[in-house]
């Protein structure tokens, strides 16, 4: 479960790489516009929340074993 959570947390970075690979400028948009900064901030908050949630689930499961 921990490895899966980490892998899912890295998927947005893969999306950015794919955007660059097809000729887009996702980093320019994320870092160069106000909506981009808002999306970046929200995405980072959601990634952190997801990792924290997965950590709590794993810890609770380990206590039960």
PDB file of N, CA and C in Angstrom:
ATOM      1  N   UNK A   1       0.806  -1.217   0.000  1.00  0.00           N
ATOM      2  CA  UNK A   1       0.000   0.000   0.000  1.00  0.00           C
ATOM      3  C   UNK A   1       0.847   1.280   0.000  1.00  0.00           C
ATOM      4  N   UNK A   2       1.949   1.263   0.736  1.00  0.00           N
ATOM      5  CA  UNK A   2       2.797   2.467   0.766  1.00  0.00           C
ATOM      6  C   UNK A   2       3.393   2.749  -0.597  1.00  0.00           C
ATOM      7  N   UNK A   3       3.894   1.712  -1.247  1.00  0.00           N
ATOM      8  CA  UNK A   3       4.493   1.896  -2.572  1.00  0.00           C
ATOM      9  C   UNK A   3       3.451   2.376  -3.572  1.00  0.00           C
ATOM     10  N   UNK A   4       2.247   1.865  -3.479  1.00  0.00           N
ATOM     11  CA  UNK A   4       1.178   2.288  -4.374  1.00  0.00           C
ATOM     12  C   UNK A   4       0.840   3.752  -4.157  1.00  0.00           C
ATOM     13  N   UNK A   5       0.774   4.177  -2.904  1.00  0.00           N
ATOM     14  CA  UNK A   5       0.476   5.576  -2.600  1.00  0.00           C
ATOM     15  C   UNK A   5       1.561   6.491  -3.143  1.00  0.00           C
ATOM     16  N   UNK A   6       2.818   6.081  -2.980  1.00  0.00           N
ATOM     17  CA  UNK A   6       3.915   6.898  -3.517  1.00  0.00           C
ATOM     18  C   UNK A   6       3.847   6.977  -5.039  1.00  0.00           C
ATOM     19  N   UNK A   7       3.562   5.855  -5.666  1.00  0.00           N
ATOM     20  CA  UNK A   7       3.481   5.840  -7.120  1.00  0.00           C
ATOM     21  C   UNK A   7       2.353   6.768  -7.599  1.00  0.00           C
ATOM     22  N   UNK A   8       1.215   6.720  -6.938  1.00  0.00           N
ATOM     23  CA  UNK A   8       0.106   7.589  -7.320  1.00  0.00           C
ATOM     24  C   UNK A   8       0.438   9.061  -7.091  1.00  0.00           C
ATOM     25  N   UNK A   9       1.231   9.340  -6.059  1.00  0.00           N
ATOM     26  CA  UNK A   9       1.622  10.719  -5.789  1.00  0.00           C
ATOM     27  C   UNK A   9       2.557  11.260  -6.869  1.00  0.00           C
ATOM     28  N   UNK A  10       3.277  10.376  -7.546  1.00  0.00           N
ATOM     29  CA  UNK A  10       4.209  10.801  -8.593  1.00  0.00           C
ATOM     30  C   UNK A  10       3.560  10.919  -9.972  1.00  0.00           C
ATOM     31  N   UNK A  11       2.344  10.452 -10.115  1.00  0.00           N
ATOM     32  CA  UNK A  11       1.680  10.509 -11.417  1.00  0.00           C
ATOM     33  C   UNK A  11       1.525  11.921 -11.987  1.00  0.00           C
ATOM     34  N   UNK A  12       1.253  12.935 -11.168  1.00  0.00           N
ATOM     35  CA  UNK A  12       1.175  14.279 -11.748  1.00  0.00           C
ATOM     36  C   UNK A  12       2.493  14.724 -12.405  1.00  0.00           C
ATOM     37  N   UNK A  13       3.620  14.314 -11.827  1.00  0.00           N
ATOM     38  CA  UNK A  13       4.911  14.644 -12.441  1.00  0.00           C
ATOM     39  C   UNK A  13       5.039  13.958 -13.799  1.00  0.00           C
ATOM     40  N   UNK A  14       4.554  12.746 -13.890  1.00  0.00           N
ATOM     41  CA  UNK A  14       4.561  12.047 -15.173  1.00  0.00           C
ATOM     42  C   UNK A  14       3.685  12.776 -16.181  1.00  0.00           C
ATOM     43  N   UNK A  15       2.563  13.291 -15.734  1.00  0.00           N
ATOM     44  CA  UNK A  15       1.689  14.071 -16.607  1.00  0.00           C
ATOM     45  C   UNK A  15       2.383  15.313 -17.127  1.00  0.00           C
ATOM     46  N   UNK A  16       3.155  15.978 -16.279  1.00  0.00           N
ATOM     47  CA  UNK A  16       3.917  17.146 -16.735  1.00  0.00           C
ATOM     48  C   UNK A  16       4.944  16.750 -17.782  1.00  0.00           C
ATOM     49  N   UNK A  17       5.629  15.638 -17.552  1.00  0.00           N
ATOM     50  CA  UNK A  17       6.617  15.163 -18.531  1.00  0.00           C
ATOM     51  C   UNK A  17       5.957  14.812 -19.861  1.00  0.00           C
ATOM     52  N   UNK A  18       4.793  14.195 -19.796  1.00  0.00           N
ATOM     53  CA  UNK A  18       4.083  13.869 -21.030  1.00  0.00           C
ATOM     54  C   UNK A  18       3.642  15.132 -21.766  1.00  0.00           C
ATOM     55  N   UNK A  19       3.221  16.145 -21.011  1.00  0.00           N
ATOM     56  CA  UNK A  19       2.849  17.414 -21.622  1.00  0.00           C
ATOM     57  C   UNK A  19       4.010  18.052 -22.357  1.00  0.00           C
ATOM     58  N   UNK A  20       5.193  17.992 -21.765  1.00  0.00           N
ATOM     59  CA  UNK A  20       6.393  18.518 -22.418  1.00  0.00           C
ATOM     60  C   UNK A  20       6.729  17.681 -23.644  1.00  0.00           C
ATOM     61  N   UNK A  21       6.583  16.359 -23.520  1.00  0.00           N
ATOM     62  CA  UNK A  21       6.929  15.457 -24.622  1.00  0.00           C
ATOM     63  C   UNK A  21       6.074  15.698 -25.860  1.00  0.00           C
ATOM     64  N   UNK A  22       4.835  16.125 -25.683  1.00  0.00           N
ATOM     65  CA  UNK A  22       3.986  16.349 -26.855  1.00  0.00           C
ATOM     66  C   UNK A  22       4.053  17.799 -27.345  1.00  0.00           C
ATOM     67  N   UNK A  23       4.984  18.564 -26.755  1.00  0.00           N
ATOM     68  CA  UNK A  23       5.202  19.911 -27.255  1.00  0.00           C
ATOM     69  C   UNK A  23       4.493  21.004 -26.498  1.00  0.00           C
ATOM     70  N   UNK A  24       3.861  20.665 -25.405  1.00  0.00           N
ATOM     71  CA  UNK A  24       3.185  21.686 -24.605  1.00  0.00           C
ATOM     72  C   UNK A  24       4.148  22.358 -23.634  1.00  0.00           C
ATOM     73  N   UNK A  25       3.644  23.304 -22.900  1.00  0.00           N
ATOM     74  CA  UNK A  25       4.440  24.010 -21.897  1.00  0.00           C
ATOM     75  C   UNK A  25       3.687  24.032 -20.571  1.00  0.00           C
ATOM     76  N   UNK A  26       3.499  22.841 -19.955  1.00  0.00           N
ATOM     77  CA  UNK A  26       2.715  22.810 -18.717  1.00  0.00           C
ATOM     78  C   UNK A  26       3.396  23.549 -17.568  1.00  0.00           C
ATOM     79  N   UNK A  27       4.716  23.488 -17.496  1.00  0.00           N
ATOM     80  CA  UNK A  27       5.408  24.202 -16.421  1.00  0.00           C
ATOM     81  C   UNK A  27       5.295  25.706 -16.604  1.00  0.00           C
ATOM     82  N   UNK A  28       5.368  26.159 -17.834  1.00  0.00           N
ATOM     83  CA  UNK A  28       5.190  27.584 -18.103  1.00  0.00           C
ATOM     84  C   UNK A  28       3.824  28.069 -17.663  1.00  0.00           C
ATOM     85  N   UNK A  29       2.814  27.246 -17.917  1.00  0.00           N
ATOM     86  CA  UNK A  29       1.463  27.626 -17.510  1.00  0.00           C
ATOM     87  C   UNK A  29       1.317  27.568 -15.991  1.00  0.00           C
ATOM     88  N   UNK A  30       1.829  26.474 -15.371  1.00  0.00           N
ATOM     89  CA  UNK A  30       1.706  26.336 -13.919  1.00  0.00           C
ATOM     90  C   UNK A  30       2.414  27.461 -13.177  1.00  0.00           C
ATOM     91  N   UNK A  31       3.598  27.821 -13.649  1.00  0.00           N
ATOM     92  CA  UNK A  31       4.399  28.804 -12.926  1.00  0.00           C
ATOM     93  C   UNK A  31       4.236  30.226 -13.451  1.00  0.00           C
ATOM     94  N   UNK A  32       3.577  30.378 -14.589  1.00  0.00           N
ATOM     95  CA  UNK A  32       3.480  31.691 -15.204  1.00  0.00           C
ATOM     96  C   UNK A  32       2.122  32.357 -15.154  1.00  0.00           C
ATOM     97  N   UNK A  33       1.125  31.657 -14.638  1.00  0.00           N
ATOM     98  CA  UNK A  33      -0.215  32.250 -14.581  1.00  0.00           C
ATOM     99  C   UNK A  33      -0.797  32.085 -13.185  1.00  0.00           C
ATOM    100  N   UNK A  34      -1.718  32.952 -12.841  1.00  0.00           N
ATOM    101  CA  UNK A  34      -2.373  32.862 -11.535  1.00  0.00           C
ATOM    102  C   UNK A  34      -3.196  31.574 -11.404  1.00  0.00           C
ATOM    103  N   UNK A  35      -3.996  31.202 -12.423  1.00  0.00           N
ATOM    104  CA  UNK A  35      -4.705  29.917 -12.303  1.00  0.00           C
ATOM    105  C   UNK A  35      -3.740  28.731 -12.203  1.00  0.00           C
ATOM    106  N   UNK A  36      -2.601  28.829 -12.872  1.00  0.00           N
ATOM    107  CA  UNK A  36      -1.598  27.774 -12.794  1.00  0.00           C
ATOM    108  C   UNK A  36      -1.069  27.611 -11.383  1.00  0.00           C
ATOM    109  N   UNK A  37      -0.756  28.734 -10.739  1.00  0.00           N
ATOM    110  CA  UNK A  37      -0.284  28.679  -9.355  1.00  0.00           C
ATOM    111  C   UNK A  37      -1.365  28.101  -8.436  1.00  0.00           C
ATOM    112  N   UNK A  38      -2.610  28.469  -8.681  1.00  0.00           N
ATOM    113  CA  UNK A  38      -3.707  27.947  -7.863  1.00  0.00           C
ATOM    114  C   UNK A  38      -3.836  26.431  -8.040  1.00  0.00           C
ATOM    115  N   UNK A  39      -3.748  25.974  -9.277  1.00  0.00           N
ATOM    116  CA  UNK A  39      -3.822  24.528  -9.543  1.00  0.00           C
ATOM    117  C   UNK A  39      -2.640  23.797  -8.922  1.00  0.00           C
ATOM    118  N   UNK A  40      -1.457  24.387  -9.020  1.00  0.00           N
ATOM    119  CA  UNK A  40      -0.268  23.778  -8.436  1.00  0.00           C
ATOM    120  C   UNK A  40      -0.408  23.666  -6.918  1.00  0.00           C
ATOM    121  N   UNK A  41      -0.847  24.731  -6.284  1.00  0.00           N
ATOM    122  CA  UNK A  41      -1.018  24.715  -4.827  1.00  0.00           C
ATOM    123  C   UNK A  41      -2.065  23.687  -4.412  1.00  0.00           C
ATOM    124  N   UNK A  42      -3.195  23.688  -5.090  1.00  0.00           N
ATOM    125  CA  UNK A  42      -4.246  22.724  -4.766  1.00  0.00           C
ATOM    126  C   UNK A  42      -3.764  21.296  -4.990  1.00  0.00           C
ATOM    127  N   UNK A  43      -3.060  21.071  -6.076  1.00  0.00           N
ATOM    128  CA  UNK A  43      -2.535  19.733  -6.361  1.00  0.00           C
ATOM    129  C   UNK A  43      -1.569  19.259  -5.291  1.00  0.00           C
ATOM    130  N   UNK A  44      -0.684  20.148  -4.838  1.00  0.00           N
ATOM    131  CA  UNK A  44       0.257  19.770  -3.790  1.00  0.00           C
ATOM    132  C   UNK A  44      -0.451  19.469  -2.471  1.00  0.00           C
ATOM    133  N   UNK A  45      -1.472  20.254  -2.167  1.00  0.00           N
ATOM    134  CA  UNK A  45      -2.249  19.997  -0.948  1.00  0.00           C
ATOM    135  C   UNK A  45      -2.952  18.644  -1.041  1.00  0.00           C
ATOM    136  N   UNK A  46      -3.536  18.347  -2.187  1.00  0.00           N
ATOM    137  CA  UNK A  46      -4.236  17.071  -2.348  1.00  0.00           C
ATOM    138  C   UNK A  46      -3.276  15.883  -2.325  1.00  0.00           C
ATOM    139  N   UNK A  47      -2.093  16.045  -2.896  1.00  0.00           N
ATOM    140  CA  UNK A  47      -1.092  14.973  -2.846  1.00  0.00           C
ATOM    141  C   UNK A  47      -0.680  14.720  -1.404  1.00  0.00           C
ATOM    142  N   UNK A  48      -0.400  15.792  -0.663  1.00  0.00           N
ATOM    143  CA  UNK A  48      -0.007  15.644   0.739  1.00  0.00           C
ATOM    144  C   UNK A  48      -1.117  14.992   1.549  1.00  0.00           C
ATOM    145  N   UNK A  49      -2.356  15.392   1.319  1.00  0.00           N
ATOM    146  CA  UNK A  49      -3.480  14.802   2.040  1.00  0.00           C
ATOM    147  C   UNK A  49      -3.629  13.320   1.699  1.00  0.00           C
ATOM    148  N   UNK A  50      -3.465  12.976   0.450  1.00  0.00           N
ATOM    149  CA  UNK A  50      -3.569  11.575   0.044  1.00  0.00           C
ATOM    150  C   UNK A  50      -2.485  10.716   0.668  1.00  0.00           C
ATOM    151  N   UNK A  51      -1.259  11.234   0.703  1.00  0.00           N
ATOM    152  CA  UNK A  51      -0.170  10.483   1.325  1.00  0.00           C
ATOM    153  C   UNK A  51      -0.397  10.335   2.828  1.00  0.00           C
ATOM    154  N   UNK A  52      -0.877  11.389   3.469  1.00  0.00           N
ATOM    155  CA  UNK A  52      -1.157  11.304   4.904  1.00  0.00           C
ATOM    156  C   UNK A  52      -2.273  10.298   5.178  1.00  0.00           C
ATOM    157  N   UNK A  53      -3.272  10.316   4.347  1.00  0.00           N
ATOM    158  CA  UNK A  53      -4.385   9.381   4.507  1.00  0.00           C
ATOM    159  C   UNK A  53      -3.905   7.937   4.343  1.00  0.00           C
ATOM    160  N   UNK A  54      -3.107   7.680   3.308  1.00  0.00           N
ATOM    161  CA  UNK A  54      -2.593   6.333   3.083  1.00  0.00           C
ATOM    162  C   UNK A  54      -1.713   5.891   4.247  1.00  0.00           C
ATOM    163  N   UNK A  55      -0.914   6.803   4.784  1.00  0.00           N
ATOM    164  CA  UNK A  55      -0.056   6.477   5.920  1.00  0.00           C
ATOM    165  C   UNK A  55      -0.886   6.087   7.135  1.00  0.00           C
ATOM    166  N   UNK A  56      -1.967   6.827   7.383  1.00  0.00           N
ATOM    167  CA  UNK A  56      -2.843   6.496   8.513  1.00  0.00           C
ATOM    168  C   UNK A  56      -3.500   5.133   8.323  1.00  0.00           C
ATOM    169  N   UNK A  57      -3.931   4.834   7.115  1.00  0.00           N
ATOM    170  CA  UNK A  57      -4.570   3.539   6.850  1.00  0.00           C
ATOM    171  C   UNK A  57      -3.585   2.403   7.090  1.00  0.00           C
ATOM    172  N   UNK A  58      -2.364   2.559   6.586  1.00  0.00           N
ATOM    173  CA  UNK A  58      -1.352   1.515   6.750  1.00  0.00           C
ATOM    174  C   UNK A  58      -0.991   1.354   8.222  1.00  0.00           C
ATOM    175  N   UNK A  59      -0.813   2.457   8.936  1.00  0.00           N
ATOM    176  CA  UNK A  59      -0.465   2.378  10.353  1.00  0.00           C
ATOM    177  C   UNK A  59      -1.561   1.684  11.150  1.00  0.00           C
ATOM    178  N   UNK A  60      -2.806   2.011  10.859  1.00  0.00           N
ATOM    179  CA  UNK A  60      -3.926   1.380  11.573  1.00  0.00           C
ATOM    180  C   UNK A  60      -3.970  -0.120  11.267  1.00  0.00           C
ATOM    181  N   UNK A  61      -3.733  -0.486  10.042  1.00  0.00           N
ATOM    182  CA  UNK A  61      -3.743  -1.894   9.662  1.00  0.00           C
ATOM    183  C   UNK A  61      -2.600  -2.645  10.342  1.00  0.00           C
ATOM    184  N   UNK A  62      -1.418  -2.020  10.393  1.00  0.00           N
ATOM    185  CA  UNK A  62      -0.280  -2.673  11.044  1.00  0.00           C
ATOM    186  C   UNK A  62      -0.528  -2.902  12.535  1.00  0.00           C
ATOM    187  N   UNK A  63      -1.223  -1.970  13.180  1.00  0.00           N
ATOM    188  CA  UNK A  63      -1.547  -2.149  14.609  1.00  0.00           C
ATOM    189  C   UNK A  63      -2.466  -3.333  14.820  1.00  0.00           C
ATOM    190  N   UNK A  64      -3.343  -3.585  13.865  1.00  0.00           N
ATOM    191  CA  UNK A  64      -4.297  -4.690  14.003  1.00  0.00           C
ATOM    192  C   UNK A  64      -3.646  -6.043  13.757  1.00  0.00           C
ATOM    193  N   UNK A  65      -2.528  -6.058  13.075  1.00  0.00           N
ATOM    194  CA  UNK A  65      -1.878  -7.341  12.760  1.00  0.00           C
ATOM    195  C   UNK A  65      -1.037  -7.822  13.872  1.00  0.00           C
TER     196      UNK A  65
END
